[in-house]
Amino acid sequence: MTTRRTLLAAAALAPLFAPWAARAQEAYPSKPIRIVVPFPAGGTTDILARLFAQRMSETMGQPVLVENRGGGGGSIGADVVAKAAPDGYTLLFHNLTFSTTTAALERLGRAPHSIERDFAPISMGANVPMMLLAIPGVGASDLRGFVDWARAHPTQAFYGSTGPGSTMNLVGEVLKRDAQIRMEHVPFRGAAPLVQEMLAGRIQFGGDQLSSSLARIRAGELRPMATLAAQRASALPDVPTVRELGYPNLELLGWNGFFAPAQTPAPVLARLHREIAAAAQHPALRQRILDLGAEPGGDTPEVFGAAVRAQVAQVRPLVAELQMTVE
């Protein structure tokens, strides 16, 4: 009888609590929001995060702050968000390396989180094509030309990446397999030192997000071999895609996007998506993204989540086959 009375009392009180819960969600945000970027400051992902943070601060009525938590190929910062309260006040802004690094950690049994289980996708911030690059000294005009050079110089071909388990590490190993060439992998702690070694002529091949390398390409210091995207980059329309050049296994979507911890309330996710989508189409911010050689995002959580899950499914078997590791 007591249990029945308790249930009846709870049912009677439920309508009283419902408006309070609704008001709590409507009040979001009521304090500053933190965007965790899992890389050092200054890179493309960090720049994009700060552009969005500035605009969202203006429209959401609360400060939106960027916190850089680099290390572990992006896994350290991502884990901060995976373990944060699912209330919409701690977000992750990551890029396509998320899928390759997580797959490599899973293979080693060291993954601290799961992309599918521990994160709620919100929206793509921008699609930043990744460009394969070579130094002018190899005399190649595209990826096929570089492959020919590597075959003719089997002991002189070195490719750089931003570390074991990174996207370029995966791309380099897949290219070696599919083109049947020899290349030695040289890992770096970031794109900046990799590019410096390429400019010095000690590394012949590498990859970088187009926005970071566009000035070097236009100055003739680096040559674009191909873009990993499904379509040619609008900033470099004469550069073919990897699929056009006969290497479809290298094709990867160059997303940079927002995630929240799993179990974040749907109304909060919906509000965040509206803000991000509106920011991506704001004239000033949209132009800044285009100037970086990227395409503005704003996809729905469903569309963005499906794209990320498809990429994870694409890279997992490659990471396992190639026995990729991570620092």
Protein backbone atom coordinates (compact mmCIF):
# COMPACT_ATOMS: atom_id res chain seq x y z
CA MET A 1 0.00 0.00 0.00
CA THR A 2 2.84 2.35 0.89
CA THR A 3 4.51 1.72 -2.46
CA ARG A 4 1.25 2.42 -4.27
CA ARG A 5 0.80 5.72 -2.38
CA THR A 6 4.39 6.69 -3.19
CA LEU A 7 3.87 6.04 -6.88
CA LEU A 8 0.61 7.99 -6.88
CA ALA A 9 2.31 10.90 -5.12
CA ALA A 10 5.20 10.88 -7.61
CA ALA A 11 2.77 10.83 -10.51
CA ALA A 12 0.92 13.79 -9.01
CA LEU A 13 4.13 15.77 -8.59
CA ALA A 14 5.54 14.98 -12.05
CA PRO A 15 3.60 17.76 -13.82
CA LEU A 16 5.00 20.21 -11.29
CA PHE A 17 8.62 19.21 -12.06
CA ALA A 18 8.19 19.10 -15.84
CA PRO A 19 8.01 22.89 -16.31
CA TRP A 20 11.07 23.29 -14.08
CA ALA A 21 13.07 20.84 -16.24
CA ALA A 22 11.90 22.59 -19.39
CA ARG A 23 12.91 25.98 -17.98
CA ALA A 24 16.36 24.59 -17.05
CA GLN A 25 16.91 23.51 -20.65
CA GLU A 26 15.51 26.77 -22.00
CA ALA A 27 17.97 28.65 -19.76
CA TYR A 28 20.91 26.98 -21.50
CA PRO A 29 23.51 28.35 -21.56
CA SER A 30 23.69 29.93 -18.11
CA LYS A 31 27.49 29.85 -17.76
CA PRO A 32 30.57 29.82 -20.02
CA ILE A 33 31.00 27.00 -22.56
CA ARG A 34 34.36 25.31 -23.07
CA ILE A 35 35.50 23.98 -26.46
CA VAL A 36 38.37 21.52 -26.10
CA VAL A 37 40.75 21.39 -29.08
CA PRO A 38 42.94 18.27 -28.75
CA PHE A 39 45.93 19.87 -30.49
CA PRO A 40 48.36 22.72 -29.74
CA ALA A 41 47.35 26.26 -30.57
CA GLY A 42 47.97 27.68 -34.03
CA GLY A 43 46.88 24.82 -36.29
CA THR A 44 43.88 24.80 -38.61
CA THR A 45 41.59 23.03 -36.13
CA ASP A 46 42.50 25.53 -33.42
CA ILE A 47 41.98 28.51 -35.74
CA LEU A 48 38.55 27.25 -36.81
CA ALA A 49 37.52 26.55 -33.21
CA ARG A 50 38.38 30.10 -32.20
CA LEU A 51 36.46 31.59 -35.12
CA PHE A 52 33.36 29.64 -34.10
CA ALA A 53 33.88 30.41 -30.41
CA GLN A 54 33.98 34.13 -31.08
CA ARG A 55 30.76 34.09 -33.09
CA MET A 56 28.95 31.77 -30.66
CA SER A 57 29.93 34.02 -27.74
CA GLU A 58 28.18 36.88 -29.51
CA THR A 59 24.97 34.94 -30.20
CA MET A 60 24.63 32.72 -27.11
CA GLY A 61 25.01 35.37 -24.45
CA GLN A 62 27.82 33.54 -22.63
CA PRO A 63 31.58 33.33 -23.16
CA VAL A 64 32.63 30.41 -25.37
CA LEU A 65 36.24 29.59 -24.56
CA VAL A 66 38.79 27.43 -26.37
CA GLU A 67 41.08 25.16 -24.36
CA ASN A 68 44.00 23.38 -26.05
CA ARG A 69 44.66 19.90 -24.66
CA GLY A 70 47.17 18.37 -27.06
CA GLY A 71 48.85 14.98 -26.89
CA GLY A 72 48.25 11.36 -27.79
CA GLY A 73 47.32 12.16 -31.36
CA GLY A 74 44.29 14.04 -30.10
CA SER A 75 43.13 11.30 -27.71
CA ILE A 76 43.97 13.16 -24.49
CA GLY A 77 41.75 16.15 -25.22
CA ALA A 78 39.01 13.92 -26.60
CA ASP A 79 39.01 11.88 -23.39
CA VAL A 80 38.53 15.05 -21.33
CA VAL A 81 35.26 15.61 -23.17
CA ALA A 82 34.21 11.95 -23.10
CA LYS A 83 34.37 12.03 -19.29
CA ALA A 84 32.83 15.50 -18.85
CA ALA A 85 29.31 16.12 -17.58
CA PRO A 86 26.81 15.76 -20.44
CA ASP A 87 25.32 19.20 -19.95
CA GLY A 88 26.49 21.08 -23.05
CA TYR A 89 29.19 23.09 -21.28
CA THR A 90 32.16 21.01 -22.46
CA LEU A 91 32.46 20.39 -26.20
CA LEU A 92 35.08 18.80 -28.45
CA PHE A 93 36.28 20.26 -31.75
CA HIS A 94 38.24 17.54 -33.55
CA ASN A 95 39.18 16.55 -37.09
CA LEU A 96 39.51 13.43 -39.22
CA THR A 97 42.53 12.25 -37.21
CA PHE A 98 39.98 11.29 -34.53
CA SER A 99 39.00 8.21 -36.54
CA THR A 100 42.52 6.97 -37.36
CA THR A 101 44.01 7.53 -33.90
CA THR A 102 41.07 5.93 -32.13
CA ALA A 103 41.20 2.93 -34.47
CA ALA A 104 44.93 2.50 -33.79
CA LEU A 105 44.38 2.70 -30.02
CA GLU A 106 41.55 0.18 -30.29
CA ARG A 107 43.85 -2.21 -32.13
CA LEU A 108 46.36 -1.94 -29.29
CA GLY A 109 43.67 -2.36 -26.62
CA ARG A 110 44.43 1.13 -25.27
CA ALA A 111 41.43 3.15 -26.47
CA PRO A 112 40.21 5.31 -23.56
CA HIS A 113 36.90 5.98 -25.31
CA SER A 114 34.73 5.03 -28.26
CA ILE A 115 33.70 7.54 -30.90
CA GLU A 116 30.31 5.84 -31.32
CA ARG A 117 29.58 5.19 -27.64
CA ASP A 118 31.01 8.17 -25.77
CA PHE A 119 30.29 11.15 -28.03
CA ALA A 120 27.23 12.86 -29.46
CA PRO A 121 27.97 14.46 -32.86
CA ILE A 122 26.64 18.00 -33.20
CA SER A 123 27.76 19.41 -36.55
CA MET A 124 30.62 19.79 -38.98
CA GLY A 125 32.27 23.16 -38.53
CA ALA A 126 34.13 23.08 -41.82
CA ASN A 127 35.28 20.63 -44.45
CA VAL A 128 39.02 21.20 -44.82
CA PRO A 129 40.52 19.13 -47.65
CA MET A 130 43.77 17.37 -46.88
CA MET A 131 46.39 17.86 -49.56
CA LEU A 132 49.22 15.46 -50.42
CA LEU A 133 52.41 17.43 -50.96
CA ALA A 134 55.87 16.88 -52.39
CA ILE A 135 58.94 19.05 -52.62
CA PRO A 136 59.76 20.61 -56.03
CA GLY A 137 63.05 18.70 -56.16
CA VAL A 138 61.37 15.40 -56.99
CA GLY A 139 60.08 16.88 -60.25
CA ALA A 140 56.57 15.45 -59.91
CA SER A 141 53.45 17.32 -60.97
CA ASP A 142 50.92 14.93 -59.38
CA LEU A 143 50.70 11.77 -57.29
CA ARG A 144 51.40 9.47 -60.23
CA GLY A 145 54.58 11.40 -60.92
CA PHE A 146 55.65 11.09 -57.30
CA VAL A 147 55.02 7.34 -57.33
CA ASP A 148 57.24 7.05 -60.41
CA TRP A 149 59.96 9.04 -58.63
CA ALA A 150 59.69 6.88 -55.50
CA ARG A 151 60.03 3.70 -57.57
CA ALA A 152 63.17 5.10 -59.19
CA HIS A 153 64.63 6.19 -55.81
CA PRO A 154 63.65 3.40 -53.38
CA THR A 155 66.20 4.38 -50.73
CA GLN A 156 65.59 8.14 -50.92
CA ALA A 157 61.82 8.39 -50.38
CA PHE A 158 60.75 9.60 -46.95
CA TYR A 159 57.23 10.61 -45.98
CA GLY A 160 56.36 12.64 -42.92
CA SER A 161 53.31 12.58 -40.68
CA THR A 162 52.13 14.24 -37.49
CA GLY A 163 52.81 11.03 -35.60
CA PRO A 164 52.06 7.30 -35.48
CA GLY A 165 48.35 6.67 -35.92
CA SER A 166 47.76 10.01 -37.62
CA THR A 167 45.86 10.44 -40.86
CA MET A 168 49.02 10.96 -42.91
CA ASN A 169 50.59 7.87 -41.35
CA LEU A 170 47.60 5.87 -42.59
CA VAL A 171 47.67 7.52 -46.01
CA GLY A 172 51.41 6.91 -46.40
CA GLU A 173 51.10 3.22 -45.55
CA VAL A 174 48.09 2.70 -47.82
CA LEU A 175 49.94 4.42 -50.68
CA LYS A 176 52.97 2.18 -50.13
CA ARG A 177 50.71 -0.88 -50.29
CA ASP A 178 48.61 0.16 -53.28
CA ALA A 179 51.44 1.66 -55.35
CA GLN A 180 53.94 -1.01 -54.27
CA ILE A 181 56.64 1.50 -53.43
CA ARG A 182 59.12 1.89 -50.60
CA MET A 183 58.96 4.91 -48.31
CA GLU A 184 60.32 5.41 -44.82
CA HIS A 185 57.96 6.97 -42.28
CA VAL A 186 59.29 9.93 -40.30
CA PRO A 187 56.88 11.07 -37.54
CA PHE A 188 56.73 14.64 -36.25
CA ARG A 189 54.90 16.24 -33.33
CA GLY A 190 52.92 18.53 -35.60
CA ALA A 191 52.40 19.81 -39.13
CA ALA A 192 54.71 22.82 -38.67
CA PRO A 193 57.95 20.84 -38.10
CA LEU A 194 56.97 18.42 -40.88
CA VAL A 195 56.60 21.29 -43.36
CA GLN A 196 59.90 22.80 -42.22
CA GLU A 197 61.70 19.52 -42.94
CA MET A 198 60.06 19.35 -46.35
CA LEU A 199 61.16 22.91 -47.11
CA ALA A 200 64.70 21.89 -46.11
CA GLY A 201 64.52 18.98 -48.58
CA ARG A 202 64.98 16.23 -46.00
CA ILE A 203 61.41 14.88 -46.35
CA GLN A 204 60.09 14.44 -49.89
CA PHE A 205 56.40 13.71 -49.25
CA GLY A 206 53.77 14.58 -46.69
CA GLY A 207 50.27 15.83 -46.14
CA ASP A 208 48.63 18.80 -44.52
CA GLN A 209 45.25 20.45 -44.34
CA LEU A 210 44.94 22.77 -47.30
CA SER A 211 44.38 25.82 -45.16
CA SER A 212 47.78 25.37 -43.50
CA SER A 213 49.72 24.74 -46.71
CA LEU A 214 47.97 27.02 -49.20
CA ALA A 215 50.45 29.91 -48.88
CA ARG A 216 53.43 27.57 -49.35
CA ILE A 217 51.79 26.02 -52.42
CA ARG A 218 51.06 29.40 -53.97
CA ALA A 219 54.66 30.48 -53.30
CA GLY A 220 55.94 27.40 -55.16
CA GLU A 221 57.69 26.03 -52.07
CA LEU A 222 55.55 22.88 -52.01
CA ARG A 223 53.77 21.10 -54.83
CA PRO A 224 50.27 19.67 -54.41
CA MET A 225 50.15 16.04 -55.58
CA ALA A 226 46.45 15.34 -54.97
CA THR A 227 43.59 16.07 -52.62
CA LEU A 228 42.14 13.32 -50.45
CA ALA A 229 38.63 14.75 -50.83
CA ALA A 230 35.92 13.36 -53.09
CA GLN A 231 35.90 16.62 -55.07
CA ARG A 232 38.65 18.97 -56.15
CA ALA A 233 39.34 21.81 -53.74
CA SER A 234 37.79 25.10 -54.84
CA ALA A 235 41.00 26.91 -53.87
CA LEU A 236 43.09 24.63 -56.14
CA PRO A 237 40.72 23.44 -58.87
CA ASP A 238 43.54 22.15 -61.11
CA VAL A 239 44.75 19.63 -58.51
CA PRO A 240 43.16 16.21 -59.08
CA THR A 241 41.67 13.97 -56.40
CA VAL A 242 43.30 10.71 -55.35
CA ARG A 243 40.41 8.82 -56.93
CA GLU A 244 40.99 10.54 -60.28
CA LEU A 245 44.62 9.43 -60.12
CA GLY A 246 43.75 5.79 -59.44
CA TYR A 247 44.09 5.64 -55.63
CA PRO A 248 40.51 5.53 -54.29
CA ASN A 249 41.58 3.92 -50.99
CA LEU A 250 43.23 7.22 -50.03
CA GLU A 251 39.98 9.20 -50.19
CA LEU A 252 39.00 10.68 -46.83
CA LEU A 253 36.52 13.36 -45.80
CA GLY A 254 38.44 16.28 -44.26
CA TRP A 255 35.96 17.16 -41.53
CA ASN A 256 36.54 19.46 -38.56
CA GLY A 257 33.54 19.19 -36.26
CA PHE A 258 31.83 19.50 -32.91
CA PHE A 259 30.97 16.75 -30.42
CA ALA A 260 29.42 16.70 -26.97
CA PRO A 261 29.60 13.95 -24.35
CA ALA A 262 27.12 11.13 -24.90
CA GLN A 263 23.78 11.55 -23.10
CA THR A 264 23.77 15.33 -23.57
CA PRO A 265 20.05 16.32 -23.63
CA ALA A 266 18.53 16.53 -27.10
CA PRO A 267 17.28 20.14 -26.64
CA VAL A 268 20.82 21.25 -25.74
CA LEU A 269 22.27 19.49 -28.79
CA ALA A 270 19.60 21.09 -30.96
CA ARG A 271 20.45 24.56 -29.62
CA LEU A 272 24.16 23.98 -30.22
CA HIS A 273 23.53 22.77 -33.76
CA ARG A 274 21.44 25.86 -34.56
CA GLU A 275 24.19 28.13 -33.26
CA ILE A 276 26.97 26.32 -35.12
CA ALA A 277 25.03 26.16 -38.39
CA ALA A 278 24.16 29.85 -38.16
CA ALA A 279 27.78 30.74 -37.36
CA ALA A 280 29.03 28.75 -40.38
CA GLN A 281 26.78 30.81 -42.65
CA HIS A 282 27.44 34.19 -41.04
CA PRO A 283 28.95 36.28 -43.87
CA ALA A 284 32.16 37.27 -42.08
CA LEU A 285 32.87 33.82 -40.65
CA ARG A 286 31.89 32.08 -43.87
CA GLN A 287 34.39 34.22 -45.77
CA ARG A 288 37.14 33.45 -43.25
CA ILE A 289 36.50 29.72 -43.72
CA LEU A 290 36.59 30.08 -47.52
CA ASP A 291 39.82 32.08 -47.27
CA LEU A 292 41.34 29.08 -45.47
CA GLY A 293 40.59 26.89 -48.48
CA ALA A 294 37.77 25.16 -46.59
CA GLU A 295 34.04 24.78 -47.04
CA PRO A 296 31.62 25.96 -44.31
CA GLY A 297 29.77 23.21 -42.45
CA GLY A 298 26.55 23.25 -40.47
CA ASP A 299 25.36 19.68 -41.17
CA THR A 300 22.71 18.22 -38.88
CA PRO A 301 23.86 15.88 -36.09
CA GLU A 302 22.42 12.96 -38.07
CA VAL A 303 24.30 13.79 -41.27
CA PHE A 304 27.57 14.61 -39.49
CA GLY A 305 27.33 11.54 -37.26
CA ALA A 306 26.72 9.26 -40.23
CA ALA A 307 29.77 10.68 -42.04
CA VAL A 308 32.02 10.16 -39.02
CA ARG A 309 30.76 6.61 -38.44
CA ALA A 310 31.33 5.79 -42.11
CA GLN A 311 34.90 7.05 -41.87
CA VAL A 312 35.56 5.02 -38.73
CA ALA A 313 34.24 1.92 -40.51
CA GLN A 314 36.51 2.74 -43.46
CA VAL A 315 39.75 3.12 -41.50
CA ARG A 316 39.38 0.38 -38.87
CA PRO A 317 40.18 -2.53 -41.22
CA LEU A 318 43.04 -0.55 -42.81
CA VAL A 319 44.57 0.21 -39.42
CA ALA A 320 44.31 -3.47 -38.47
CA GLU A 321 45.74 -4.73 -41.76
CA LEU A 322 48.66 -2.30 -41.66
CA GLN A 323 49.24 -2.94 -37.94
CA MET A 324 49.37 0.76 -37.20
CA THR A 325 50.39 1.92 -33.77
CA VAL A 326 50.19 5.21 -31.89
CA GLU A 327 52.42 7.04 -29.43
